[in-house]
Amino acid sequence: VVLPGGDAGLPHVDGAPVDHIEEPWGMRVRMGAIPAGGFRVISWVQDP
């Protein structure tokens, strides 16, 4: 994932924090398992 400039926050998958790897260009986010025909949602969360 390449996100716009600035700190976008920590990635969450389906609302739960997940493993990720920071890279100079962005980050790599672990999805885990996705069942056939299913989906999962990555969101980036910051505090107020």
All heavy atoms as atom14 arrays in JSON, in Angstrom:
{
  "sequence": "VVLPGGDAGLPHVDGAPVDHIEEPWGMRVRMGAIPAGGFRVISWVQDP",
  "atom14_mask": [
    [1, 1, 1, 1, 1, 1, 1, 0, 0, 0, 0, 0, 0, 0],
    [1, 1, 1, 1, 1, 1, 1, 0, 0, 0, 0, 0, 0, 0],
    [1, 1, 1, 1, 1, 1, 1, 1, 0, 0, 0, 0, 0, 0],
    [1, 1, 1, 1, 1, 1, 1, 0, 0, 0, 0, 0, 0, 0],
    [1, 1, 1, 1, 0, 0, 0, 0, 0, 0, 0, 0, 0, 0],
    [1, 1, 1, 1, 0, 0, 0, 0, 0, 0, 0, 0, 0, 0],
    [1, 1, 1, 1, 1, 1, 1, 1, 0, 0, 0, 0, 0, 0],
    [1, 1, 1, 1, 1, 0, 0, 0, 0, 0, 0, 0, 0, 0],
    [1, 1, 1, 1, 0, 0, 0, 0, 0, 0, 0, 0, 0, 0],
    [1, 1, 1, 1, 1, 1, 1, 1, 0, 0, 0, 0, 0, 0],
    [1, 1, 1, 1, 1, 1, 1, 0, 0, 0, 0, 0, 0, 0],
    [1, 1, 1, 1, 1, 1, 1, 1, 1, 1, 0, 0, 0, 0],
    [1, 1, 1, 1, 1, 1, 1, 0, 0, 0, 0, 0, 0, 0],
    [1, 1, 1, 1, 1, 1, 1, 1, 0, 0, 0, 0, 0, 0],
    [1, 1, 1, 1, 0, 0, 0, 0, 0, 0, 0, 0, 0, 0],
    [1, 1, 1, 1, 1, 0, 0, 0, 0, 0, 0, 0, 0, 0],
    [1, 1, 1, 1, 1, 1, 1, 0, 0, 0, 0, 0, 0, 0],
    [1, 1, 1, 1, 1, 1, 1, 0, 0, 0, 0, 0, 0, 0],
    [1, 1, 1, 1, 1, 1, 1, 1, 0, 0, 0, 0, 0, 0],
    [1, 1, 1, 1, 1, 1, 1, 1, 1, 1, 0, 0, 0, 0],
    [1, 1, 1, 1, 1, 1, 1, 1, 0, 0, 0, 0, 0, 0],
    [1, 1, 1, 1, 1, 1, 1, 1, 1, 0, 0, 0, 0, 0],
    [1, 1, 1, 1, 1, 1, 1, 1, 1, 0, 0, 0, 0, 0],
    [1, 1, 1, 1, 1, 1, 1, 0, 0, 0, 0, 0, 0, 0],
    [1, 1, 1, 1, 1, 1, 1, 1, 1, 1, 1, 1, 1, 1],
    [1, 1, 1, 1, 0, 0, 0, 0, 0, 0, 0, 0, 0, 0],
    [1, 1, 1, 1, 1, 1, 1, 1, 0, 0, 0, 0, 0, 0],
    [1, 1, 1, 1, 1, 1, 1, 1, 1, 1, 1, 0, 0, 0],
    [1, 1, 1, 1, 1, 1, 1, 0, 0, 0, 0, 0, 0, 0],
    [1, 1, 1, 1, 1, 1, 1, 1, 1, 1, 1, 0, 0, 0],
    [1, 1, 1, 1, 1, 1, 1, 1, 0, 0, 0, 0, 0, 0],
    [1, 1, 1, 1, 0, 0, 0, 0, 0, 0, 0, 0, 0, 0],
    [1, 1, 1, 1, 1, 0, 0, 0, 0, 0, 0, 0, 0, 0],
    [1, 1, 1, 1, 1, 1, 1, 1, 0, 0, 0, 0, 0, 0],
    [1, 1, 1, 1, 1, 1, 1, 0, 0, 0, 0, 0, 0, 0],
    [1, 1, 1, 1, 1, 0, 0, 0, 0, 0, 0, 0, 0, 0],
    [1, 1, 1, 1, 0, 0, 0, 0, 0, 0, 0, 0, 0, 0],
    [1, 1, 1, 1, 0, 0, 0, 0, 0, 0, 0, 0, 0, 0],
    [1, 1, 1, 1, 1, 1, 1, 1, 1, 1, 1, 0, 0, 0],
    [1, 1, 1, 1, 1, 1, 1, 1, 1, 1, 1, 0, 0, 0],
    [1, 1, 1, 1, 1, 1, 1, 0, 0, 0, 0, 0, 0, 0],
    [1, 1, 1, 1, 1, 1, 1, 1, 0, 0, 0, 0, 0, 0],
    [1, 1, 1, 1, 1, 1, 0, 0, 0, 0, 0, 0, 0, 0],
    [1, 1, 1, 1, 1, 1, 1, 1, 1, 1, 1, 1, 1, 1],
    [1, 1, 1, 1, 1, 1, 1, 0, 0, 0, 0, 0, 0, 0],
    [1, 1, 1, 1, 1, 1, 1, 1, 1, 0, 0, 0, 0, 0],
    [1, 1, 1, 1, 1, 1, 1, 1, 0, 0, 0, 0, 0, 0],
    [1, 1, 1, 1, 1, 1, 1, 0, 0, 0, 0, 0, 0, 0]
  ],
  "atom14_positions": [
    [[0.84, -1.2, 0.0], [0.0, 0.0, 0.0], [0.87, 1.25, 0.0], [1.8, 1.37, 0.81], [-0.93, 0.03, 1.23], [-1.84, 1.26, 1.17], [-1.77, -1.24, 1.3], [0.0, 0.0, 0.0], [0.0, 0.0, 0.0], [0.0, 0.0, 0.0], [0.0, 0.0, 0.0], [0.0, 0.0, 0.0], [0.0, 0.0, 0.0], [0.0, 0.0, 0.0]],
    [[0.6, 2.16, -0.92], [1.22, 3.48, -0.95], [0.15, 4.49, -0.58], [-0.88, 4.58, -1.24], [1.8, 3.8, -2.35], [2.4, 5.19, -2.36], [2.82, 2.75, -2.77], [0.0, 0.0, 0.0], [0.0, 0.0, 0.0], [0.0, 0.0, 0.0], [0.0, 0.0, 0.0], [0.0, 0.0, 0.0], [0.0, 0.0, 0.0], [0.0, 0.0, 0.0]],
    [[0.38, 5.23, 0.5], [-0.59, 6.21, 0.99], [-0.06, 7.62, 0.79], [1.15, 7.83, 0.66], [-0.89, 5.96, 2.47], [-1.63, 4.65, 2.78], [-1.68, 4.42, 4.28], [-3.04, 4.7, 2.21], [0.0, 0.0, 0.0], [0.0, 0.0, 0.0], [0.0, 0.0, 0.0], [0.0, 0.0, 0.0], [0.0, 0.0, 0.0], [0.0, 0.0, 0.0]],
    [[-0.95, 8.61, 0.79], [-0.51, 10.0, 0.66], [0.44, 10.39, 1.77], [0.58, 9.71, 2.79], [-1.81, 10.8, 0.73], [-2.87, 9.84, 0.31], [-2.41, 8.51, 0.81], [0.0, 0.0, 0.0], [0.0, 0.0, 0.0], [0.0, 0.0, 0.0], [0.0, 0.0, 0.0], [0.0, 0.0, 0.0], [0.0, 0.0, 0.0], [0.0, 0.0, 0.0]],
    [[1.1, 11.53, 1.57], [2.11, 12.0, 2.52], [1.54, 12.18, 3.92], [0.35, 12.37, 4.12], [0.0, 0.0, 0.0], [0.0, 0.0, 0.0], [0.0, 0.0, 0.0], [0.0, 0.0, 0.0], [0.0, 0.0, 0.0], [0.0, 0.0, 0.0], [0.0, 0.0, 0.0], [0.0, 0.0, 0.0], [0.0, 0.0, 0.0], [0.0, 0.0, 0.0]],
    [[2.42, 12.08, 4.91], [1.99, 12.18, 6.3], [1.72, 10.81, 6.88], [1.7, 9.8, 6.18], [0.0, 0.0, 0.0], [0.0, 0.0, 0.0], [0.0, 0.0, 0.0], [0.0, 0.0, 0.0], [0.0, 0.0, 0.0], [0.0, 0.0, 0.0], [0.0, 0.0, 0.0], [0.0, 0.0, 0.0], [0.0, 0.0, 0.0], [0.0, 0.0, 0.0]],
    [[1.51, 10.77, 8.16], [1.29, 9.52, 8.85], [-0.18, 9.16, 8.78], [-1.04, 9.83, 9.37], [1.73, 9.65, 10.31], [1.9, 8.3, 10.99], [1.23, 7.34, 10.55], [2.71, 8.21, 11.93], [0.0, 0.0, 0.0], [0.0, 0.0, 0.0], [0.0, 0.0, 0.0], [0.0, 0.0, 0.0], [0.0, 0.0, 0.0], [0.0, 0.0, 0.0]],
    [[-0.52, 8.11, 8.06], [-1.92, 7.74, 7.88], [-2.47, 6.97, 9.06], [-3.66, 6.74, 9.14], [-2.07, 6.91, 6.61], [0.0, 0.0, 0.0], [0.0, 0.0, 0.0], [0.0, 0.0, 0.0], [0.0, 0.0, 0.0], [0.0, 0.0, 0.0], [0.0, 0.0, 0.0], [0.0, 0.0, 0.0], [0.0, 0.0, 0.0], [0.0, 0.0, 0.0]],
    [[-1.62, 6.54, 9.96], [-2.07, 5.77, 11.1], [-1.74, 4.3, 10.94], [-1.12, 3.88, 9.97], [0.0, 0.0, 0.0], [0.0, 0.0, 0.0], [0.0, 0.0, 0.0], [0.0, 0.0, 0.0], [0.0, 0.0, 0.0], [0.0, 0.0, 0.0], [0.0, 0.0, 0.0], [0.0, 0.0, 0.0], [0.0, 0.0, 0.0], [0.0, 0.0, 0.0]],
    [[-2.17, 3.51, 11.9], [-1.88, 2.08, 11.91], [-2.96, 1.31, 11.16], [-4.15, 1.61, 11.28], [-1.79, 1.57, 13.34], [-0.59, 2.08, 14.15], [-0.72, 1.67, 15.6], [0.71, 1.55, 13.54], [0.0, 0.0, 0.0], [0.0, 0.0, 0.0], [0.0, 0.0, 0.0], [0.0, 0.0, 0.0], [0.0, 0.0, 0.0], [0.0, 0.0, 0.0]],
    [[-2.57, 0.29, 10.41], [-3.57, -0.48, 9.66], [-4.35, -1.43, 10.56], [-3.78, -2.05, 11.46], [-2.72, -1.24, 8.65], [-1.39, -1.41, 9.32], [-1.19, -0.17, 10.14], [0.0, 0.0, 0.0], [0.0, 0.0, 0.0], [0.0, 0.0, 0.0], [0.0, 0.0, 0.0], [0.0, 0.0, 0.0], [0.0, 0.0, 0.0], [0.0, 0.0, 0.0]],
    [[-5.61, -1.54, 10.3], [-6.49, -2.49, 10.95], [-7.18, -3.32, 9.86], [-7.48, -2.79, 8.78], [-7.56, -1.8, 11.79], [-7.04, -1.14, 13.03], [-6.04, -0.19, 13.01], [-7.39, -1.29, 14.34], [-5.79, 0.22, 14.24], [-6.59, -0.43, 15.07], [0.0, 0.0, 0.0], [0.0, 0.0, 0.0], [0.0, 0.0, 0.0], [0.0, 0.0, 0.0]],
    [[-7.42, -4.57, 10.11], [-8.18, -5.42, 9.2], [-9.45, -5.86, 9.92], [-9.37, -6.48, 10.99], [-7.36, -6.64, 8.72], [-8.24, -7.61, 7.96], [-6.2, -6.18, 7.86], [0.0, 0.0, 0.0], [0.0, 0.0, 0.0], [0.0, 0.0, 0.0], [0.0, 0.0, 0.0], [0.0, 0.0, 0.0], [0.0, 0.0, 0.0], [0.0, 0.0, 0.0]],
    [[-10.57, -5.49, 9.34], [-11.88, -5.77, 9.96], [-11.92, -5.26, 11.39], [-12.47, -5.9, 12.3], [-12.19, -7.26, 9.9], [-12.34, -7.78, 8.48], [-12.6, -6.95, 7.58], [-12.21, -9.0, 8.26], [0.0, 0.0, 0.0], [0.0, 0.0, 0.0], [0.0, 0.0, 0.0], [0.0, 0.0, 0.0], [0.0, 0.0, 0.0], [0.0, 0.0, 0.0]],
    [[-11.3, -4.09, 11.62], [-11.36, -3.43, 12.91], [-10.31, -3.83, 13.91], [-10.22, -3.22, 14.98], [0.0, 0.0, 0.0], [0.0, 0.0, 0.0], [0.0, 0.0, 0.0], [0.0, 0.0, 0.0], [0.0, 0.0, 0.0], [0.0, 0.0, 0.0], [0.0, 0.0, 0.0], [0.0, 0.0, 0.0], [0.0, 0.0, 0.0], [0.0, 0.0, 0.0]],
    [[-9.47, -4.82, 13.59], [-8.45, -5.29, 14.54], [-7.06, -4.94, 14.02], [-6.79, -5.05, 12.83], [-8.57, -6.79, 14.74], [0.0, 0.0, 0.0], [0.0, 0.0, 0.0], [0.0, 0.0, 0.0], [0.0, 0.0, 0.0], [0.0, 0.0, 0.0], [0.0, 0.0, 0.0], [0.0, 0.0, 0.0], [0.0, 0.0, 0.0], [0.0, 0.0, 0.0]],
    [[-6.16, -4.5, 14.91], [-4.78, -4.21, 14.47], [-4.13, -5.45, 13.88], [-4.38, -6.58, 14.33], [-4.08, -3.78, 15.76], [-5.16, -3.42, 16.72], [-6.33, -4.28, 16.36], [0.0, 0.0, 0.0], [0.0, 0.0, 0.0], [0.0, 0.0, 0.0], [0.0, 0.0, 0.0], [0.0, 0.0, 0.0], [0.0, 0.0, 0.0], [0.0, 0.0, 0.0]],
    [[-3.28, -5.27, 12.87], [-2.64, -6.39, 12.19], [-1.15, -6.11, 12.02], [-0.69, -4.97, 12.12], [-3.27, -6.66, 10.81], [-4.69, -7.14, 10.94], [-3.19, -5.41, 9.94], [0.0, 0.0, 0.0], [0.0, 0.0, 0.0], [0.0, 0.0, 0.0], [0.0, 0.0, 0.0], [0.0, 0.0, 0.0], [0.0, 0.0, 0.0], [0.0, 0.0, 0.0]],
    [[-0.42, -7.17, 11.74], [1.0, -7.03, 11.43], [1.17, -6.22, 10.16], [0.4, -6.38, 9.2], [1.65, -8.4, 11.24], [1.69, -9.21, 12.52], [1.63, -8.59, 13.6], [1.78, -10.45, 12.43], [0.0, 0.0, 0.0], [0.0, 0.0, 0.0], [0.0, 0.0, 0.0], [0.0, 0.0, 0.0], [0.0, 0.0, 0.0], [0.0, 0.0, 0.0]],
    [[2.18, -5.38, 10.16], [2.51, -4.64, 8.94], [4.0, -4.34, 8.94], [4.67, -4.39, 9.97], [1.69, -3.36, 8.81], [2.04, -2.31, 9.83], [1.65, -2.41, 11.16], [2.73, -1.15, 9.73], [2.09, -1.35, 11.83], [2.76, -0.58, 10.98], [0.0, 0.0, 0.0], [0.0, 0.0, 0.0], [0.0, 0.0, 0.0], [0.0, 0.0, 0.0]],
    [[4.52, -4.06, 7.77], [5.94, -3.77, 7.59], [6.06, -2.38, 6.97], [5.52, -2.13, 5.88], [6.61, -4.82, 6.68], [6.44, -6.23, 7.26], [8.08, -4.5, 6.48], [6.88, -7.32, 6.31], [0.0, 0.0, 0.0], [0.0, 0.0, 0.0], [0.0, 0.0, 0.0], [0.0, 0.0, 0.0], [0.0, 0.0, 0.0], [0.0, 0.0, 0.0]],
    [[6.72, -1.48, 7.66], [6.94, -0.14, 7.12], [8.0, -0.2, 6.03], [9.04, -0.84, 6.17], [7.39, 0.8, 8.22], [6.37, 1.0, 9.34], [5.23, 1.91, 8.92], [5.32, 2.54, 7.84], [4.24, 1.98, 9.67], [0.0, 0.0, 0.0], [0.0, 0.0, 0.0], [0.0, 0.0, 0.0], [0.0, 0.0, 0.0], [0.0, 0.0, 0.0]],
    [[7.74, 0.46, 4.92], [8.67, 0.55, 3.8], [8.87, 2.02, 3.43], [8.03, 2.85, 3.77], [8.13, -0.22, 2.58], [7.88, -1.69, 2.81], [9.16, -2.51, 2.8], [10.25, -1.92, 2.61], [9.08, -3.74, 2.97], [0.0, 0.0, 0.0], [0.0, 0.0, 0.0], [0.0, 0.0, 0.0], [0.0, 0.0, 0.0], [0.0, 0.0, 0.0]],
    [[9.98, 2.36, 2.76], [10.18, 3.76, 2.35], [9.05, 4.3, 1.48], [8.75, 5.49, 1.5], [11.5, 3.71, 1.57], [12.21, 2.51, 2.1], [11.13, 1.51, 2.42], [0.0, 0.0, 0.0], [0.0, 0.0, 0.0], [0.0, 0.0, 0.0], [0.0, 0.0, 0.0], [0.0, 0.0, 0.0], [0.0, 0.0, 0.0], [0.0, 0.0, 0.0]],
    [[8.39, 3.4, 0.73], [7.33, 3.83, -0.18], [5.95, 3.7, 0.44], [4.95, 4.11, -0.17], [7.37, 2.99, -1.45], [7.63, 1.53, -1.21], [8.82, 0.89, -1.28], [6.67, 0.54, -0.85], [8.68, -0.45, -0.99], [7.37, -0.69, -0.72], [5.29, 0.55, -0.63], [6.73, -1.88, -0.38], [4.67, -0.64, -0.28], [5.39, -1.83, -0.16]],
    [[5.82, 3.08, 1.61], [4.51, 2.88, 2.22], [4.55, 1.76, 3.24], [5.37, 1.76, 4.15], [0.0, 0.0, 0.0], [0.0, 0.0, 0.0], [0.0, 0.0, 0.0], [0.0, 0.0, 0.0], [0.0, 0.0, 0.0], [0.0, 0.0, 0.0], [0.0, 0.0, 0.0], [0.0, 0.0, 0.0], [0.0, 0.0, 0.0], [0.0, 0.0, 0.0]],
    [[3.72, 0.75, 3.07], [3.69, -0.36, 4.01], [3.15, -1.61, 3.36], [2.45, -1.56, 2.33], [2.85, -0.01, 5.24], [1.37, 0.2, 4.97], [0.42, 0.53, 6.49], [1.14, 2.07, 7.04], [0.0, 0.0, 0.0], [0.0, 0.0, 0.0], [0.0, 0.0, 0.0], [0.0, 0.0, 0.0], [0.0, 0.0, 0.0], [0.0, 0.0, 0.0]],
    [[3.49, -2.75, 3.97], [2.92, -4.03, 3.58], [2.02, -4.49, 4.72], [2.42, -4.48, 5.88], [4.02, -5.06, 3.31], [5.15, -4.54, 2.48], [6.1, -5.62, 2.05], [5.68, -6.15, 0.75], [6.39, -7.03, 0.04], [7.5, -7.51, 0.53], [5.96, -7.43, -1.13], [0.0, 0.0, 0.0], [0.0, 0.0, 0.0], [0.0, 0.0, 0.0]],
    [[0.79, -4.87, 4.4], [-0.22, -5.18, 5.41], [-0.62, -6.65, 5.28], [-0.95, -7.12, 4.18], [-1.46, -4.28, 5.25], [-2.5, -4.61, 6.32], [-1.07, -2.81, 5.31], [0.0, 0.0, 0.0], [0.0, 0.0, 0.0], [0.0, 0.0, 0.0], [0.0, 0.0, 0.0], [0.0, 0.0, 0.0], [0.0, 0.0, 0.0], [0.0, 0.0, 0.0]],
    [[-0.61, -7.35, 6.4], [-0.96, -8.77, 6.41], [-2.48, -8.94, 6.44], [-3.16, -8.41, 7.31], [-0.35, -9.46, 7.63], [-0.59, -10.96, 7.69], [0.11, -11.58, 8.89], [-0.03, -13.03, 8.91], [-1.05, -13.68, 9.45], [-2.02, -12.98, 10.06], [-1.1, -14.99, 9.42], [0.0, 0.0, 0.0], [0.0, 0.0, 0.0], [0.0, 0.0, 0.0]],
    [[-3.01, -9.71, 5.48], [-4.44, -9.93, 5.41], [-4.87, -11.2, 6.14], [-6.01, -11.32, 6.56], [-4.88, -10.05, 3.94], [-4.68, -8.79, 3.14], [-5.49, -7.36, 3.9], [-7.18, -7.92, 3.98], [0.0, 0.0, 0.0], [0.0, 0.0, 0.0], [0.0, 0.0, 0.0], [0.0, 0.0, 0.0], [0.0, 0.0, 0.0], [0.0, 0.0, 0.0]],
    [[-3.97, -12.18, 6.25], [-4.39, -13.46, 6.79], [-5.17, -14.25, 5.75], [-4.92, -14.14, 4.56], [0.0, 0.0, 0.0], [0.0, 0.0, 0.0], [0.0, 0.0, 0.0], [0.0, 0.0, 0.0], [0.0, 0.0, 0.0], [0.0, 0.0, 0.0], [0.0, 0.0, 0.0], [0.0, 0.0, 0.0], [0.0, 0.0, 0.0], [0.0, 0.0, 0.0]],
    [[-6.13, -15.03, 6.2], [-6.9, -15.88, 5.3], [-8.18, -15.17, 4.85], [-8.82, -14.47, 5.63], [-7.25, -17.19, 5.98], [0.0, 0.0, 0.0], [0.0, 0.0, 0.0], [0.0, 0.0, 0.0], [0.0, 0.0, 0.0], [0.0, 0.0, 0.0], [0.0, 0.0, 0.0], [0.0, 0.0, 0.0], [0.0, 0.0, 0.0], [0.0, 0.0, 0.0]],
    [[-8.53, -15.37, 3.58], [-9.8, -14.87, 3.04], [-10.52, -16.06, 2.43], [-9.97, -16.73, 1.54], [-9.59, -13.78, 1.98], [-8.77, -12.62, 2.55], [-10.93, -13.27, 1.46], [-8.48, -11.52, 1.54], [0.0, 0.0, 0.0], [0.0, 0.0, 0.0], [0.0, 0.0, 0.0], [0.0, 0.0, 0.0], [0.0, 0.0, 0.0], [0.0, 0.0, 0.0]],
    [[-11.74, -16.38, 2.87], [-12.45, -17.53, 2.3], [-12.91, -17.25, 0.89], [-12.98, -16.09, 0.45], [-13.64, -17.71, 3.26], [-13.86, -16.34, 3.83], [-12.5, -15.71, 3.93], [0.0, 0.0, 0.0], [0.0, 0.0, 0.0], [0.0, 0.0, 0.0], [0.0, 0.0, 0.0], [0.0, 0.0, 0.0], [0.0, 0.0, 0.0], [0.0, 0.0, 0.0]],
    [[-13.23, -18.3, 0.15], [-13.7, -18.15, -1.23], [-14.9, -17.22, -1.28], [-15.86, -17.37, -0.54], [-14.07, -19.52, -1.79], [0.0, 0.0, 0.0], [0.0, 0.0, 0.0], [0.0, 0.0, 0.0], [0.0, 0.0, 0.0], [0.0, 0.0, 0.0], [0.0, 0.0, 0.0], [0.0, 0.0, 0.0], [0.0, 0.0, 0.0], [0.0, 0.0, 0.0]],
    [[-14.82, -16.23, -2.16], [-15.9, -15.27, -2.33], [-16.02, -14.24, -1.24], [-16.9, -13.38, -1.28], [0.0, 0.0, 0.0], [0.0, 0.0, 0.0], [0.0, 0.0, 0.0], [0.0, 0.0, 0.0], [0.0, 0.0, 0.0], [0.0, 0.0, 0.0], [0.0, 0.0, 0.0], [0.0, 0.0, 0.0], [0.0, 0.0, 0.0], [0.0, 0.0, 0.0]],
    [[-15.11, -14.27, -0.25], [-15.18, -13.34, 0.86], [-14.33, -12.1, 0.64], [-13.65, -11.94, -0.37], [0.0, 0.0, 0.0], [0.0, 0.0, 0.0], [0.0, 0.0, 0.0], [0.0, 0.0, 0.0], [0.0, 0.0, 0.0], [0.0, 0.0, 0.0], [0.0, 0.0, 0.0], [0.0, 0.0, 0.0], [0.0, 0.0, 0.0], [0.0, 0.0, 0.0]],
    [[-14.36, -11.21, 1.63], [-13.55, -10.0, 1.56], [-13.17, -9.57, 2.97], [-13.8, -9.96, 3.95], [-14.28, -8.87, 0.83], [-15.49, -8.33, 1.57], [-15.37, -7.27, 2.46], [-16.74, -8.9, 1.37], [-16.47, -6.78, 3.14], [-17.85, -8.41, 2.04], [-17.71, -7.35, 2.92], [0.0, 0.0, 0.0], [0.0, 0.0, 0.0], [0.0, 0.0, 0.0]],
    [[-12.13, -8.76, 3.06], [-11.73, -8.15, 4.32], [-11.39, -6.68, 4.03], [-11.07, -6.32, 2.89], [-10.52, -8.87, 4.93], [-10.76, -10.37, 5.12], [-9.69, -11.02, 5.95], [-9.83, -10.66, 7.35], [-9.0, -11.07, 8.31], [-7.95, -11.82, 8.01], [-9.2, -10.72, 9.57], [0.0, 0.0, 0.0], [0.0, 0.0, 0.0], [0.0, 0.0, 0.0]],
    [[-11.48, -5.85, 5.06], [-11.33, -4.41, 4.89], [-10.14, -3.92, 5.7], [-10.05, -4.15, 6.91], [-12.6, -3.66, 5.32], [-12.42, -2.15, 5.14], [-13.81, -4.15, 4.53], [0.0, 0.0, 0.0], [0.0, 0.0, 0.0], [0.0, 0.0, 0.0], [0.0, 0.0, 0.0], [0.0, 0.0, 0.0], [0.0, 0.0, 0.0], [0.0, 0.0, 0.0]],
    [[-9.22, -3.24, 5.02], [-8.1, -2.57, 5.7], [-8.5, -1.12, 5.93], [-8.97, -0.43, 5.02], [-6.81, -2.59, 4.86], [-6.48, -4.0, 4.39], [-5.65, -2.03, 5.66], [-5.27, -4.05, 3.46], [0.0, 0.0, 0.0], [0.0, 0.0, 0.0], [0.0, 0.0, 0.0], [0.0, 0.0, 0.0], [0.0, 0.0, 0.0], [0.0, 0.0, 0.0]],
    [[-8.31, -0.64, 7.15], [-8.53, 0.77, 7.46], [-7.33, 1.3, 8.22], [-6.59, 0.54, 8.85], [-9.81, 0.96, 8.27], [-9.76, 0.18, 9.46], [0.0, 0.0, 0.0], [0.0, 0.0, 0.0], [0.0, 0.0, 0.0], [0.0, 0.0, 0.0], [0.0, 0.0, 0.0], [0.0, 0.0, 0.0], [0.0, 0.0, 0.0], [0.0, 0.0, 0.0]],
    [[-7.12, 2.58, 8.12], [-6.01, 3.23, 8.82], [-6.58, 4.16, 9.87], [-7.37, 5.06, 9.57], [-5.13, 3.99, 7.83], [-4.27, 3.06, 7.04], [-2.99, 2.7, 7.3], [-4.65, 2.33, 5.86], [-2.53, 1.81, 6.37], [-3.54, 1.55, 5.47], [-5.82, 2.24, 5.11], [-3.56, 0.72, 4.36], [-5.84, 1.41, 4.0], [-4.72, 0.66, 3.64]],
    [[-6.23, 3.9, 11.13], [-6.9, 4.54, 12.26], [-5.9, 5.41, 13.02], [-4.78, 5.0, 13.32], [-7.49, 3.48, 13.2], [-8.14, 4.14, 14.41], [-8.5, 2.62, 12.46], [0.0, 0.0, 0.0], [0.0, 0.0, 0.0], [0.0, 0.0, 0.0], [0.0, 0.0, 0.0], [0.0, 0.0, 0.0], [0.0, 0.0, 0.0], [0.0, 0.0, 0.0]],
    [[-6.33, 6.64, 13.33], [-5.57, 7.53, 14.2], [-6.48, 7.94, 15.35], [-7.71, 7.88, 15.26], [-5.12, 8.78, 13.44], [-4.08, 8.51, 12.37], [-3.68, 9.79, 11.67], [-4.48, 10.71, 11.53], [-2.44, 9.86, 11.24], [0.0, 0.0, 0.0], [0.0, 0.0, 0.0], [0.0, 0.0, 0.0], [0.0, 0.0, 0.0], [0.0, 0.0, 0.0]],
    [[-5.85, 8.38, 16.46], [-6.67, 8.86, 17.57], [-7.12, 10.29, 17.25], [-6.71, 10.88, 16.26], [-5.91, 8.77, 18.88], [-4.73, 9.73, 18.97], [-4.7, 10.7, 18.18], [-3.88, 9.52, 19.83], [0.0, 0.0, 0.0], [0.0, 0.0, 0.0], [0.0, 0.0, 0.0], [0.0, 0.0, 0.0], [0.0, 0.0, 0.0], [0.0, 0.0, 0.0]],
    [[-8.02, 10.87, 18.06], [-8.57, 12.19, 17.75], [-7.53, 13.28, 17.6], [-7.76, 14.29, 16.93], [-9.53, 12.47, 18.91], [-9.89, 11.11, 19.43], [-8.68, 10.27, 19.23], [0.0, 0.0, 0.0], [0.0, 0.0, 0.0], [0.0, 0.0, 0.0], [0.0, 0.0, 0.0], [0.0, 0.0, 0.0], [0.0, 0.0, 0.0], [0.0, 0.0, 0.0]]
  ]
}
